[in-house]
Structure formats: structure tokens, C-alpha cells
Amino acid sequence: MEDIEIIKKVSELYMKYGIKSVTMDDLARELGISKKTLYQYFKDKDDVVSKVVRQGMENQMGDLCELCKPNSNAIDELLIMSKYLTNKIQKANMSFTYDLQKYYPEVWKWVFESRKEHILKHVKENMKAGIKQGFYRKDLNFDIISAFYIFRLDVQWFELVSSLDFKFEEIFNALFIYHIRGIANNKGIEYLEKKIKEEKLH
């Protein structure tokens, strides 16, 4: 069995049941291998968690790079990227996140910092592209705007907004439109209005 295949199956178990409740015995049984064989792939459970999380992060960042194509329309690109990231939040297993924060704080810190670094990079590049394409204002503060974008992707904040009895799609559309209206010039807003009608974002 290949390492990536094992990590994928372990990740599925963690996402379904959380990290804390899944033992090394459980992993060996679900993978159909002996515990001795399992330890040929991982030193201990800490190593399992670390490798699962890192592989997941690599996959997510790879997806983002694929989505953010050079020379693509900046507003379209940000819409696609935002949909991808908020979809990840919507599907996130809160038990997995809670266990990671409580029992593996160093791994969680790495996840948080790595994710933030990559997203900030893509958002800043998107703003630069949008300015170059004539959709965004030229006076944007890249650091503040990208930090605010990250803040809106916080799981706990998103849960709070979701608790206000709005549909997920409504929340996403409102936040995206709000963001673009804040950074776009007249040409960008005109294009946004077109997207609102095409994508039914209102």
C-alpha cells in the first residue's frame, strides 16, 4: 500500500470521527494491515496526525495554485478561489479541528500559519492583477485588505454568521459582493453587476 493512499484513508477516518477517538489499533484494522506494519509507515500517532495534516495542506494549496491561473480575469479568479475556500469551511469537521487545536497545538499552529501565508499571497497577487487589468482601485492597502479577507475565512466567525439563520450561499454571495465593491473601481463594479446577474449572486 502506498504512503499517500494510507494517508488519504487515515484522513477520511479523522474527518469522520475526529482525531482523539481514532486509535492506532483502529487505523490498522480499517486499513487492513497489522499494527506492526502500520508502525513501518508512522513513528507514533503524533507522526500520523502531522503527515495527514501536511498532506491535506499541500493538496489544498496545490488546488489554489491550479485555480489561480495567470492572466485570468481577477474578479472571476477571486470568485472561484473564494468559493473553494468557503466550501472547505462548510465541509470542515469541527471535531477534527477541535482535536487538532487541543491535542496537537504545534501542528495546528503550522496549519494556521501556512494557510494564512498562502492565502495572503494569492489575495495580494489577485489585487495586483485586478489593478493591472483595470478592475480594482489603485489606492488599495494590500496588507489590510488581505488580512480582512483572511479574517472572513475564520471557521468560528463563519459559524457565528451562519447561526443567524441565513443559507450558506446567501452568506457567501453577500461577503463576496461586499469585498469586490470595496476594492473595485467603476469598471470593476460594472463587471461585478454582470457577474451578479450571470451567477445569480444577489
N, C-alpha and C. Protein backbone atom coordinates (compact mmCIF):
# COMPACT_ATOMS: atom_id res chain seq x y z
N MET A 1 0.85 -1.20 0.00
CA MET A 1 0.00 0.00 0.00
C MET A 1 0.88 1.25 0.00
N GLU A 2 0.58 2.20 -0.88
CA GLU A 2 1.38 3.42 -1.00
C GLU A 2 1.14 4.36 0.18
N ASP A 3 2.18 5.15 0.53
CA ASP A 3 2.08 6.09 1.65
C ASP A 3 0.91 7.05 1.46
N ILE A 4 0.77 7.63 0.26
CA ILE A 4 -0.29 8.61 0.01
C ILE A 4 -1.66 7.98 0.15
N GLU A 5 -1.79 6.73 -0.28
CA GLU A 5 -3.08 6.02 -0.16
C GLU A 5 -3.44 5.82 1.31
N ILE A 6 -2.45 5.46 2.12
CA ILE A 6 -2.67 5.27 3.56
C ILE A 6 -3.07 6.58 4.21
N ILE A 7 -2.33 7.63 3.90
CA ILE A 7 -2.62 8.95 4.48
C ILE A 7 -4.03 9.41 4.09
N LYS A 8 -4.43 9.14 2.86
CA LYS A 8 -5.76 9.52 2.41
C LYS A 8 -6.83 8.79 3.22
N LYS A 9 -6.65 7.50 3.45
CA LYS A 9 -7.63 6.72 4.19
C LYS A 9 -7.68 7.14 5.66
N VAL A 10 -6.50 7.41 6.23
CA VAL A 10 -6.44 7.88 7.62
C VAL A 10 -7.15 9.22 7.74
N SER A 11 -6.91 10.10 6.78
CA SER A 11 -7.54 11.42 6.77
C SER A 11 -9.06 11.29 6.75
N GLU A 12 -9.58 10.37 5.96
CA GLU A 12 -11.02 10.15 5.88
C GLU A 12 -11.59 9.72 7.23
N LEU A 13 -10.84 8.87 7.93
CA LEU A 13 -11.28 8.41 9.26
C LEU A 13 -11.29 9.56 10.26
N TYR A 14 -10.22 10.36 10.24
CA TYR A 14 -10.13 11.51 11.15
C TYR A 14 -11.25 12.51 10.87
N MET A 15 -11.53 12.74 9.60
CA MET A 15 -12.57 13.69 9.24
C MET A 15 -13.96 13.19 9.64
N LYS A 16 -14.12 11.90 9.67
CA LYS A 16 -15.41 11.30 10.00
C LYS A 16 -15.62 11.21 11.51
N TYR A 17 -14.56 10.80 12.25
CA TYR A 17 -14.71 10.54 13.68
C TYR A 17 -13.95 11.50 14.59
N GLY A 18 -13.11 12.36 14.02
CA GLY A 18 -12.24 13.19 14.85
C GLY A 18 -10.93 12.45 15.09
N ILE A 19 -9.95 13.14 15.64
CA ILE A 19 -8.63 12.53 15.84
C ILE A 19 -8.57 11.73 17.13
N LYS A 20 -9.07 12.32 18.20
CA LYS A 20 -8.94 11.74 19.54
C LYS A 20 -9.52 10.34 19.64
N SER A 21 -10.66 10.12 19.01
CA SER A 21 -11.36 8.84 19.18
C SER A 21 -10.81 7.71 18.32
N VAL A 22 -9.92 8.03 17.38
CA VAL A 22 -9.37 7.00 16.48
C VAL A 22 -7.98 6.58 16.98
N THR A 23 -7.86 5.33 17.40
CA THR A 23 -6.59 4.82 17.93
C THR A 23 -5.75 4.19 16.82
N MET A 24 -4.51 3.86 17.16
CA MET A 24 -3.64 3.18 16.20
C MET A 24 -4.20 1.81 15.86
N ASP A 25 -4.84 1.16 16.82
CA ASP A 25 -5.48 -0.13 16.56
C ASP A 25 -6.61 0.03 15.55
N ASP A 26 -7.38 1.11 15.71
CA ASP A 26 -8.47 1.39 14.78
C ASP A 26 -7.94 1.59 13.36
N LEU A 27 -6.84 2.35 13.27
CA LEU A 27 -6.25 2.62 11.96
C LEU A 27 -5.78 1.34 11.29
N ALA A 28 -5.09 0.49 12.05
CA ALA A 28 -4.59 -0.76 11.48
C ALA A 28 -5.75 -1.63 10.99
N ARG A 29 -6.80 -1.71 11.80
CA ARG A 29 -7.95 -2.53 11.44
C ARG A 29 -8.65 -1.98 10.19
N GLU A 30 -8.86 -0.68 10.14
CA GLU A 30 -9.54 -0.07 8.99
C GLU A 30 -8.70 -0.14 7.73
N LEU A 31 -7.40 -0.10 7.88
CA LEU A 31 -6.50 -0.16 6.72
C LEU A 31 -6.27 -1.60 6.26
N GLY A 32 -6.65 -2.56 7.12
CA GLY A 32 -6.48 -3.97 6.77
C GLY A 32 -5.03 -4.42 6.86
N ILE A 33 -4.27 -3.80 7.76
CA ILE A 33 -2.87 -4.17 7.97
C ILE A 33 -2.63 -4.39 9.46
N SER A 34 -1.52 -5.01 9.78
CA SER A 34 -1.19 -5.23 11.18
C SER A 34 -0.68 -3.94 11.81
N LYS A 35 -0.74 -3.88 13.13
CA LYS A 35 -0.24 -2.70 13.82
C LYS A 35 1.27 -2.55 13.60
N LYS A 36 1.94 -3.70 13.51
CA LYS A 36 3.39 -3.68 13.27
C LYS A 36 3.69 -3.05 11.91
N THR A 37 2.89 -3.39 10.90
CA THR A 37 3.07 -2.81 9.57
C THR A 37 2.77 -1.31 9.59
N LEU A 38 1.76 -0.93 10.37
CA LEU A 38 1.39 0.49 10.48
C LEU A 38 2.57 1.31 10.99
N TYR A 39 3.30 0.73 11.94
CA TYR A 39 4.44 1.45 12.53
C TYR A 39 5.65 1.49 11.58
N GLN A 40 5.55 0.82 10.48
CA GLN A 40 6.59 0.96 9.45
C GLN A 40 6.39 2.25 8.65
N TYR A 41 5.15 2.75 8.68
CA TYR A 41 4.81 3.99 7.98
C TYR A 41 4.88 5.21 8.92
N PHE A 42 4.55 4.99 10.18
CA PHE A 42 4.49 6.10 11.15
C PHE A 42 5.20 5.74 12.45
N LYS A 43 5.87 6.74 13.04
CA LYS A 43 6.56 6.51 14.32
C LYS A 43 5.56 6.34 15.45
N ASP A 44 4.55 7.18 15.47
CA ASP A 44 3.52 7.16 16.51
C ASP A 44 2.32 7.96 16.01
N LYS A 45 1.34 8.17 16.88
CA LYS A 45 0.13 8.87 16.45
C LYS A 45 0.42 10.33 16.11
N ASP A 46 1.35 10.94 16.83
CA ASP A 46 1.73 12.32 16.52
C ASP A 46 2.23 12.42 15.09
N ASP A 47 2.99 11.42 14.68
CA ASP A 47 3.54 11.40 13.32
C ASP A 47 2.42 11.21 12.30
N VAL A 48 1.43 10.38 12.66
CA VAL A 48 0.28 10.16 11.77
C VAL A 48 -0.45 11.48 11.54
N VAL A 49 -0.77 12.16 12.64
CA VAL A 49 -1.51 13.42 12.56
C VAL A 49 -0.75 14.44 11.75
N SER A 50 0.55 14.56 12.02
CA SER A 50 1.38 15.54 11.32
C SER A 50 1.39 15.28 9.81
N LYS A 51 1.56 14.02 9.41
CA LYS A 51 1.63 13.69 7.98
C LYS A 51 0.27 13.87 7.29
N VAL A 52 -0.80 13.52 7.99
CA VAL A 52 -2.14 13.70 7.43
C VAL A 52 -2.43 15.18 7.19
N VAL A 53 -2.12 15.99 8.19
CA VAL A 53 -2.39 17.43 8.10
C VAL A 53 -1.53 18.08 7.02
N ARG A 54 -0.27 17.72 6.97
CA ARG A 54 0.62 18.32 5.98
C ARG A 54 0.23 17.93 4.56
N GLN A 55 -0.18 16.68 4.38
CA GLN A 55 -0.62 16.25 3.05
C GLN A 55 -1.89 16.98 2.65
N GLY A 56 -2.79 17.14 3.61
CA GLY A 56 -4.03 17.87 3.34
C GLY A 56 -3.76 19.31 2.95
N MET A 57 -2.82 19.94 3.65
CA MET A 57 -2.47 21.32 3.36
C MET A 57 -1.81 21.44 1.98
N GLU A 58 -0.93 20.51 1.65
CA GLU A 58 -0.29 20.51 0.34
C GLU A 58 -1.34 20.37 -0.77
N ASN A 59 -2.31 19.51 -0.55
CA ASN A 59 -3.37 19.32 -1.55
C ASN A 59 -4.18 20.60 -1.73
N GLN A 60 -4.52 21.24 -0.61
CA GLN A 60 -5.33 22.46 -0.67
C GLN A 60 -4.57 23.59 -1.36
N MET A 61 -3.31 23.75 -1.03
CA MET A 61 -2.52 24.82 -1.65
C MET A 61 -2.27 24.53 -3.13
N GLY A 62 -2.13 23.24 -3.46
CA GLY A 62 -1.98 22.87 -4.86
C GLY A 62 -3.24 23.19 -5.65
N ASP A 63 -4.39 22.94 -5.03
CA ASP A 63 -5.67 23.28 -5.68
C ASP A 63 -5.77 24.78 -5.92
N LEU A 64 -5.34 25.57 -4.94
CA LEU A 64 -5.40 27.03 -5.08
C LEU A 64 -4.53 27.51 -6.23
N CYS A 65 -3.36 26.94 -6.33
CA CYS A 65 -2.46 27.33 -7.43
C CYS A 65 -3.07 26.99 -8.78
N GLU A 66 -3.77 25.86 -8.85
CA GLU A 66 -4.44 25.47 -10.09
C GLU A 66 -5.58 26.42 -10.44
N LEU A 67 -6.30 26.85 -9.40
CA LEU A 67 -7.44 27.74 -9.61
C LEU A 67 -7.02 29.14 -10.04
N CYS A 68 -5.87 29.59 -9.51
CA CYS A 68 -5.40 30.95 -9.78
C CYS A 68 -4.51 30.96 -11.02
N LYS A 69 -5.10 30.92 -12.17
CA LYS A 69 -4.37 30.87 -13.43
C LYS A 69 -3.82 32.25 -13.79
N PRO A 70 -2.58 32.33 -14.29
CA PRO A 70 -2.02 33.62 -14.73
C PRO A 70 -2.87 34.23 -15.84
N ASN A 71 -3.03 35.54 -15.78
CA ASN A 71 -3.74 36.32 -16.79
C ASN A 71 -5.25 36.08 -16.83
N SER A 72 -5.79 35.36 -15.85
CA SER A 72 -7.25 35.19 -15.82
C SER A 72 -7.88 36.45 -15.24
N ASN A 73 -9.16 36.64 -15.51
CA ASN A 73 -9.87 37.80 -15.00
C ASN A 73 -9.82 37.79 -13.47
N ALA A 74 -9.37 38.88 -12.87
CA ALA A 74 -9.13 38.93 -11.43
C ALA A 74 -10.41 38.69 -10.62
N ILE A 75 -11.52 39.24 -11.05
CA ILE A 75 -12.78 39.07 -10.31
C ILE A 75 -13.27 37.63 -10.43
N ASP A 76 -13.18 37.06 -11.62
CA ASP A 76 -13.56 35.65 -11.80
C ASP A 76 -12.68 34.75 -10.94
N GLU A 77 -11.39 35.03 -10.94
CA GLU A 77 -10.44 34.24 -10.18
C GLU A 77 -10.74 34.28 -8.69
N LEU A 78 -11.03 35.49 -8.18
CA LEU A 78 -11.31 35.63 -6.75
C LEU A 78 -12.62 34.93 -6.39
N LEU A 79 -13.59 34.96 -7.29
CA LEU A 79 -14.85 34.28 -7.05
C LEU A 79 -14.62 32.77 -6.93
N ILE A 80 -13.84 32.21 -7.85
CA ILE A 80 -13.55 30.78 -7.84
C ILE A 80 -12.78 30.41 -6.57
N MET A 81 -11.77 31.21 -6.24
CA MET A 81 -10.95 30.94 -5.07
C MET A 81 -11.78 31.03 -3.79
N SER A 82 -12.64 32.04 -3.72
CA SER A 82 -13.47 32.24 -2.53
C SER A 82 -14.47 31.09 -2.36
N LYS A 83 -15.04 30.65 -3.46
CA LYS A 83 -15.97 29.52 -3.40
C LYS A 83 -15.26 28.27 -2.89
N TYR A 84 -14.06 28.05 -3.37
CA TYR A 84 -13.29 26.87 -2.96
C TYR A 84 -12.99 26.91 -1.46
N LEU A 85 -12.51 28.05 -0.97
CA LEU A 85 -12.12 28.17 0.43
C LEU A 85 -13.32 28.11 1.37
N THR A 86 -14.40 28.78 1.01
CA THR A 86 -15.58 28.75 1.89
C THR A 86 -16.26 27.38 1.86
N ASN A 87 -16.14 26.67 0.74
CA ASN A 87 -16.66 25.31 0.66
C ASN A 87 -15.90 24.39 1.61
N LYS A 88 -14.58 24.64 1.71
CA LYS A 88 -13.76 23.87 2.66
C LYS A 88 -14.23 24.12 4.09
N ILE A 89 -14.56 25.37 4.40
CA ILE A 89 -15.05 25.71 5.73
C ILE A 89 -16.38 25.03 6.00
N GLN A 90 -17.26 25.08 5.02
CA GLN A 90 -18.59 24.50 5.17
C GLN A 90 -18.51 23.00 5.44
N LYS A 91 -17.56 22.33 4.80
CA LYS A 91 -17.44 20.88 4.94
C LYS A 91 -16.50 20.45 6.06
N ALA A 92 -15.89 21.42 6.74
CA ALA A 92 -14.92 21.10 7.78
C ALA A 92 -15.57 20.33 8.93
N ASN A 93 -14.83 19.33 9.44
CA ASN A 93 -15.29 18.56 10.59
C ASN A 93 -14.84 19.28 11.85
N MET A 94 -15.79 19.81 12.63
CA MET A 94 -15.44 20.59 13.80
C MET A 94 -14.74 19.77 14.87
N SER A 95 -15.05 18.48 14.92
CA SER A 95 -14.40 17.59 15.87
C SER A 95 -12.92 17.46 15.55
N PHE A 96 -12.62 17.33 14.25
CA PHE A 96 -11.23 17.24 13.80
C PHE A 96 -10.47 18.52 14.15
N THR A 97 -11.08 19.66 13.86
CA THR A 97 -10.45 20.95 14.14
C THR A 97 -10.23 21.14 15.63
N TYR A 98 -11.23 20.78 16.43
CA TYR A 98 -11.14 20.91 17.89
C TYR A 98 -10.01 20.04 18.44
N ASP A 99 -9.96 18.78 18.01
CA ASP A 99 -8.91 17.86 18.48
C ASP A 99 -7.53 18.36 18.09
N LEU A 100 -7.42 18.89 16.89
CA LEU A 100 -6.14 19.40 16.41
C LEU A 100 -5.67 20.58 17.28
N GLN A 101 -6.58 21.49 17.57
CA GLN A 101 -6.24 22.66 18.38
C GLN A 101 -5.88 22.27 19.81
N LYS A 102 -6.63 21.33 20.37
CA LYS A 102 -6.44 20.98 21.78
C LYS A 102 -5.28 20.04 22.03
N TYR A 103 -5.14 19.00 21.21
CA TYR A 103 -4.15 17.96 21.47
C TYR A 103 -2.88 18.06 20.64
N TYR A 104 -2.93 18.83 19.55
CA TYR A 104 -1.75 18.97 18.69
C TYR A 104 -1.54 20.44 18.35
N PRO A 105 -1.31 21.27 19.36
CA PRO A 105 -1.22 22.73 19.14
C PRO A 105 -0.12 23.15 18.19
N GLU A 106 1.00 22.44 18.18
CA GLU A 106 2.10 22.81 17.28
C GLU A 106 1.71 22.55 15.83
N VAL A 107 1.03 21.44 15.59
CA VAL A 107 0.57 21.12 14.22
C VAL A 107 -0.49 22.14 13.80
N TRP A 108 -1.39 22.48 14.73
CA TRP A 108 -2.43 23.46 14.43
C TRP A 108 -1.81 24.82 14.10
N LYS A 109 -0.80 25.20 14.85
CA LYS A 109 -0.12 26.47 14.60
C LYS A 109 0.49 26.48 13.21
N TRP A 110 1.11 25.36 12.83
CA TRP A 110 1.71 25.26 11.50
C TRP A 110 0.62 25.38 10.42
N VAL A 111 -0.51 24.69 10.63
CA VAL A 111 -1.63 24.75 9.68
C VAL A 111 -2.11 26.19 9.52
N PHE A 112 -2.34 26.84 10.65
CA PHE A 112 -2.87 28.20 10.65
C PHE A 112 -1.93 29.16 9.92
N GLU A 113 -0.65 29.09 10.25
CA GLU A 113 0.32 29.99 9.65
C GLU A 113 0.54 29.71 8.17
N SER A 114 0.61 28.43 7.81
CA SER A 114 0.84 28.06 6.40
C SER A 114 -0.34 28.47 5.54
N ARG A 115 -1.54 28.19 6.04
CA ARG A 115 -2.75 28.54 5.30
C ARG A 115 -2.84 30.04 5.12
N LYS A 116 -2.59 30.76 6.19
CA LYS A 116 -2.64 32.22 6.13
C LYS A 116 -1.63 32.77 5.13
N GLU A 117 -0.42 32.25 5.18
CA GLU A 117 0.64 32.72 4.28
C GLU A 117 0.27 32.52 2.82
N HIS A 118 -0.25 31.33 2.49
CA HIS A 118 -0.60 31.03 1.10
C HIS A 118 -1.78 31.87 0.62
N ILE A 119 -2.80 31.99 1.47
CA ILE A 119 -3.98 32.75 1.05
C ILE A 119 -3.65 34.23 0.90
N LEU A 120 -2.87 34.77 1.84
CA LEU A 120 -2.45 36.17 1.74
C LEU A 120 -1.71 36.42 0.43
N LYS A 121 -0.85 35.48 0.07
CA LYS A 121 -0.08 35.59 -1.18
C LYS A 121 -1.02 35.65 -2.38
N HIS A 122 -2.00 34.76 -2.43
CA HIS A 122 -2.91 34.71 -3.57
C HIS A 122 -3.81 35.95 -3.63
N VAL A 123 -4.26 36.42 -2.46
CA VAL A 123 -5.14 37.60 -2.43
C VAL A 123 -4.37 38.84 -2.89
N LYS A 124 -3.13 38.98 -2.44
CA LYS A 124 -2.31 40.12 -2.85
C LYS A 124 -2.03 40.08 -4.35
N GLU A 125 -1.73 38.89 -4.85
CA GLU A 125 -1.48 38.74 -6.29
C GLU A 125 -2.75 39.05 -7.08
N ASN A 126 -3.90 38.68 -6.52
CA ASN A 126 -5.17 38.97 -7.18
C ASN A 126 -5.41 40.47 -7.25
N MET A 127 -5.09 41.18 -6.18
CA MET A 127 -5.26 42.63 -6.18
C MET A 127 -4.35 43.29 -7.21
N LYS A 128 -3.12 42.83 -7.28
CA LYS A 128 -2.18 43.38 -8.26
C LYS A 128 -2.69 43.14 -9.68
N ALA A 129 -3.20 41.91 -9.92
CA ALA A 129 -3.73 41.58 -11.24
C ALA A 129 -4.96 42.44 -11.56
N GLY A 130 -5.84 42.62 -10.55
CA GLY A 130 -7.05 43.40 -10.75
C GLY A 130 -6.75 44.86 -11.08
N ILE A 131 -5.71 45.40 -10.45
CA ILE A 131 -5.30 46.78 -10.74
C ILE A 131 -4.74 46.87 -12.16
N LYS A 132 -3.92 45.89 -12.51
CA LYS A 132 -3.31 45.87 -13.84
C LYS A 132 -4.38 45.73 -14.92
N GLN A 133 -5.42 44.96 -14.65
CA GLN A 133 -6.50 44.74 -15.62
C GLN A 133 -7.51 45.88 -15.64
N GLY A 134 -7.37 46.81 -14.69
CA GLY A 134 -8.25 47.97 -14.66
C GLY A 134 -9.57 47.75 -13.94
N PHE A 135 -9.65 46.70 -13.10
CA PHE A 135 -10.88 46.40 -12.35
C PHE A 135 -10.86 46.95 -10.92
N TYR A 136 -9.66 47.01 -10.32
CA TYR A 136 -9.55 47.42 -8.92
C TYR A 136 -8.94 48.81 -8.81
N ARG A 137 -9.26 49.51 -7.72
CA ARG A 137 -8.69 50.82 -7.46
C ARG A 137 -7.18 50.70 -7.25
N LYS A 138 -6.48 51.78 -7.54
CA LYS A 138 -5.02 51.76 -7.43
C LYS A 138 -4.52 52.11 -6.03
N ASP A 139 -5.42 52.58 -5.15
CA ASP A 139 -5.00 53.03 -3.83
C ASP A 139 -5.23 51.97 -2.74
N LEU A 140 -5.29 50.70 -3.12
CA LEU A 140 -5.58 49.63 -2.16
C LEU A 140 -4.42 49.40 -1.20
N ASN A 141 -4.77 49.16 0.06
CA ASN A 141 -3.77 48.75 1.06
C ASN A 141 -3.78 47.22 1.08
N PHE A 142 -2.80 46.64 0.38
CA PHE A 142 -2.77 45.19 0.22
C PHE A 142 -2.80 44.44 1.55
N ASP A 143 -2.01 44.89 2.52
CA ASP A 143 -1.88 44.18 3.79
C ASP A 143 -3.19 44.17 4.57
N ILE A 144 -3.84 45.31 4.67
CA ILE A 144 -5.08 45.40 5.44
C ILE A 144 -6.20 44.62 4.77
N ILE A 145 -6.35 44.77 3.46
CA ILE A 145 -7.44 44.10 2.75
C ILE A 145 -7.27 42.59 2.75
N SER A 146 -6.04 42.13 2.54
CA SER A 146 -5.81 40.68 2.54
C SER A 146 -6.00 40.10 3.94
N ALA A 147 -5.63 40.87 4.98
CA ALA A 147 -5.83 40.42 6.36
C ALA A 147 -7.32 40.31 6.67
N PHE A 148 -8.10 41.27 6.17
CA PHE A 148 -9.54 41.24 6.37
C PHE A 148 -10.16 40.04 5.65
N TYR A 149 -9.65 39.74 4.48
CA TYR A 149 -10.13 38.58 3.72
C TYR A 149 -9.90 37.30 4.52
N ILE A 150 -8.70 37.18 5.12
CA ILE A 150 -8.38 36.02 5.95
C ILE A 150 -9.33 35.93 7.13
N PHE A 151 -9.60 37.07 7.75
CA PHE A 151 -10.49 37.11 8.91
C PHE A 151 -11.87 36.53 8.57
N ARG A 152 -12.35 36.82 7.37
CA ARG A 152 -13.66 36.34 6.95
C ARG A 152 -13.68 34.83 6.71
N LEU A 153 -12.50 34.22 6.64
CA LEU A 153 -12.42 32.78 6.42
C LEU A 153 -12.22 32.02 7.73
N ASP A 154 -12.28 32.73 8.85
CA ASP A 154 -12.14 32.08 10.15
C ASP A 154 -13.37 31.19 10.40
N VAL A 155 -13.14 29.95 10.77
CA VAL A 155 -14.24 28.99 10.93
C VAL A 155 -15.23 29.44 12.00
N GLN A 156 -14.73 29.90 13.15
CA GLN A 156 -15.62 30.31 14.24
C GLN A 156 -16.47 31.52 13.84
N TRP A 157 -15.87 32.48 13.13
CA TRP A 157 -16.62 33.65 12.68
C TRP A 157 -17.70 33.22 11.69
N PHE A 158 -17.34 32.31 10.80
CA PHE A 158 -18.29 31.85 9.79
C PHE A 158 -19.44 31.10 10.45
N GLU A 159 -19.15 30.34 11.50
CA GLU A 159 -20.20 29.63 12.24
C GLU A 159 -21.15 30.62 12.90
N LEU A 160 -20.58 31.71 13.44
CA LEU A 160 -21.39 32.73 14.09
C LEU A 160 -22.37 33.36 13.11
N VAL A 161 -21.87 33.73 11.94
CA VAL A 161 -22.72 34.34 10.92
C VAL A 161 -23.76 33.33 10.44
N SER A 162 -23.34 32.07 10.30
CA SER A 162 -24.25 31.03 9.85
C SER A 162 -25.39 30.81 10.84
N SER A 163 -25.12 31.06 12.12
CA SER A 163 -26.13 30.85 13.16
C SER A 163 -27.26 31.88 13.08
N LEU A 164 -27.10 32.90 12.25
CA LEU A 164 -28.12 33.93 12.12
C LEU A 164 -29.25 33.51 11.18
N ASP A 165 -29.27 32.22 10.87
CA ASP A 165 -30.35 31.62 10.08
C ASP A 165 -30.36 32.07 8.62
N PHE A 166 -29.17 32.27 8.06
CA PHE A 166 -29.04 32.54 6.63
C PHE A 166 -28.50 31.29 5.95
N LYS A 167 -28.86 31.11 4.71
CA LYS A 167 -28.31 29.99 3.95
C LYS A 167 -26.83 30.27 3.65
N PHE A 168 -26.07 29.20 3.54
CA PHE A 168 -24.64 29.32 3.25
C PHE A 168 -24.39 30.14 1.99
N GLU A 169 -25.17 29.86 0.95
CA GLU A 169 -25.00 30.56 -0.32
C GLU A 169 -25.24 32.06 -0.18
N GLU A 170 -26.24 32.43 0.64
CA GLU A 170 -26.54 33.84 0.86
C GLU A 170 -25.38 34.55 1.55
N ILE A 171 -24.79 33.88 2.54
CA ILE A 171 -23.66 34.45 3.27
C ILE A 171 -22.48 34.65 2.33
N PHE A 172 -22.18 33.61 1.55
CA PHE A 172 -21.05 33.68 0.62
C PHE A 172 -21.24 34.82 -0.38
N ASN A 173 -22.41 34.88 -1.00
CA ASN A 173 -22.66 35.89 -2.03
C ASN A 173 -22.56 37.31 -1.46
N ALA A 174 -23.14 37.52 -0.28
CA ALA A 174 -23.11 38.84 0.34
C ALA A 174 -21.68 39.27 0.66
N LEU A 175 -20.88 38.34 1.19
CA LEU A 175 -19.50 38.67 1.55
C LEU A 175 -18.64 38.93 0.31
N PHE A 176 -18.86 38.14 -0.73
CA PHE A 176 -18.08 38.33 -1.95
C PHE A 176 -18.39 39.68 -2.59
N ILE A 177 -19.69 39.99 -2.72
CA ILE A 177 -20.09 41.27 -3.32
C ILE A 177 -19.57 42.43 -2.49
N TYR A 178 -19.67 42.31 -1.17
CA TYR A 178 -19.18 43.34 -0.26
C TYR A 178 -17.68 43.58 -0.48
N HIS A 179 -16.93 42.49 -0.61
CA HIS A 179 -15.48 42.58 -0.80
C HIS A 179 -15.13 43.28 -2.11
N ILE A 180 -15.75 42.84 -3.21
CA ILE A 180 -15.44 43.42 -4.51
C ILE A 180 -15.85 44.88 -4.59
N ARG A 181 -17.02 45.21 -4.05
CA ARG A 181 -17.45 46.62 -4.06
C ARG A 181 -16.48 47.50 -3.29
N GLY A 182 -15.80 46.92 -2.32
CA GLY A 182 -14.86 47.70 -1.52
C GLY A 182 -13.54 47.97 -2.22
N ILE A 183 -13.18 47.13 -3.21
CA ILE A 183 -11.87 47.30 -3.84
C ILE A 183 -11.95 47.66 -5.33
N ALA A 184 -13.13 47.54 -5.92
CA ALA A 184 -13.26 47.76 -7.36
C ALA A 184 -13.46 49.23 -7.72
N ASN A 185 -13.04 49.58 -8.94
CA ASN A 185 -13.34 50.90 -9.49
C ASN A 185 -14.64 50.76 -10.30
N ASN A 186 -14.99 51.79 -11.05
CA ASN A 186 -16.25 51.76 -11.81
C ASN A 186 -16.31 50.60 -12.80
N LYS A 187 -15.19 50.35 -13.47
CA LYS A 187 -15.15 49.25 -14.43
C LYS A 187 -15.35 47.91 -13.71
N GLY A 188 -14.72 47.77 -12.55
CA GLY A 188 -14.85 46.53 -11.78
C GLY A 188 -16.25 46.32 -11.27
N ILE A 189 -16.88 47.39 -10.80
CA ILE A 189 -18.26 47.28 -10.29
C ILE A 189 -19.22 46.95 -11.42
N GLU A 190 -18.96 47.52 -12.59
CA GLU A 190 -19.79 47.21 -13.76
C GLU A 190 -19.69 45.73 -14.10
N TYR A 191 -18.44 45.20 -14.03
CA TYR A 191 -18.25 43.77 -14.32
C TYR A 191 -18.90 42.93 -13.22
N LEU A 192 -18.81 43.39 -11.97
CA LEU A 192 -19.43 42.67 -10.86
C LEU A 192 -20.94 42.57 -11.06
N GLU A 193 -21.56 43.66 -11.47
CA GLU A 193 -23.01 43.66 -11.70
C GLU A 193 -23.38 42.62 -12.77
N LYS A 194 -22.52 42.49 -13.75
CA LYS A 194 -22.73 41.49 -14.80
C LYS A 194 -22.64 40.08 -14.20
N LYS A 195 -21.63 39.87 -13.32
CA LYS A 195 -21.45 38.56 -12.69
C LYS A 195 -22.62 38.23 -11.77
N ILE A 196 -23.14 39.25 -11.09
CA ILE A 196 -24.27 39.05 -10.18
C ILE A 196 -25.46 38.47 -10.94
N LYS A 197 -25.69 39.01 -12.14
CA LYS A 197 -26.81 38.53 -12.96
C LYS A 197 -26.52 37.13 -13.52
N GLU A 198 -25.29 36.93 -14.00
CA GLU A 198 -24.91 35.65 -14.60
C GLU A 198 -24.88 34.53 -13.57
N GLU A 199 -24.25 34.82 -12.43
CA GLU A 199 -24.06 33.79 -11.40
C GLU A 199 -25.18 33.78 -10.36
N LYS A 200 -26.11 34.75 -10.50
CA LYS A 200 -27.21 34.89 -9.52
C LYS A 200 -26.66 35.02 -8.10
N LEU A 201 -25.75 35.99 -7.94
CA LEU A 201 -25.10 36.18 -6.65
C LEU A 201 -25.92 37.00 -5.66
N HIS A 202 -26.98 37.65 -6.12
CA HIS A 202 -27.77 38.50 -5.23
C HIS A 202 -28.62 37.66 -4.30
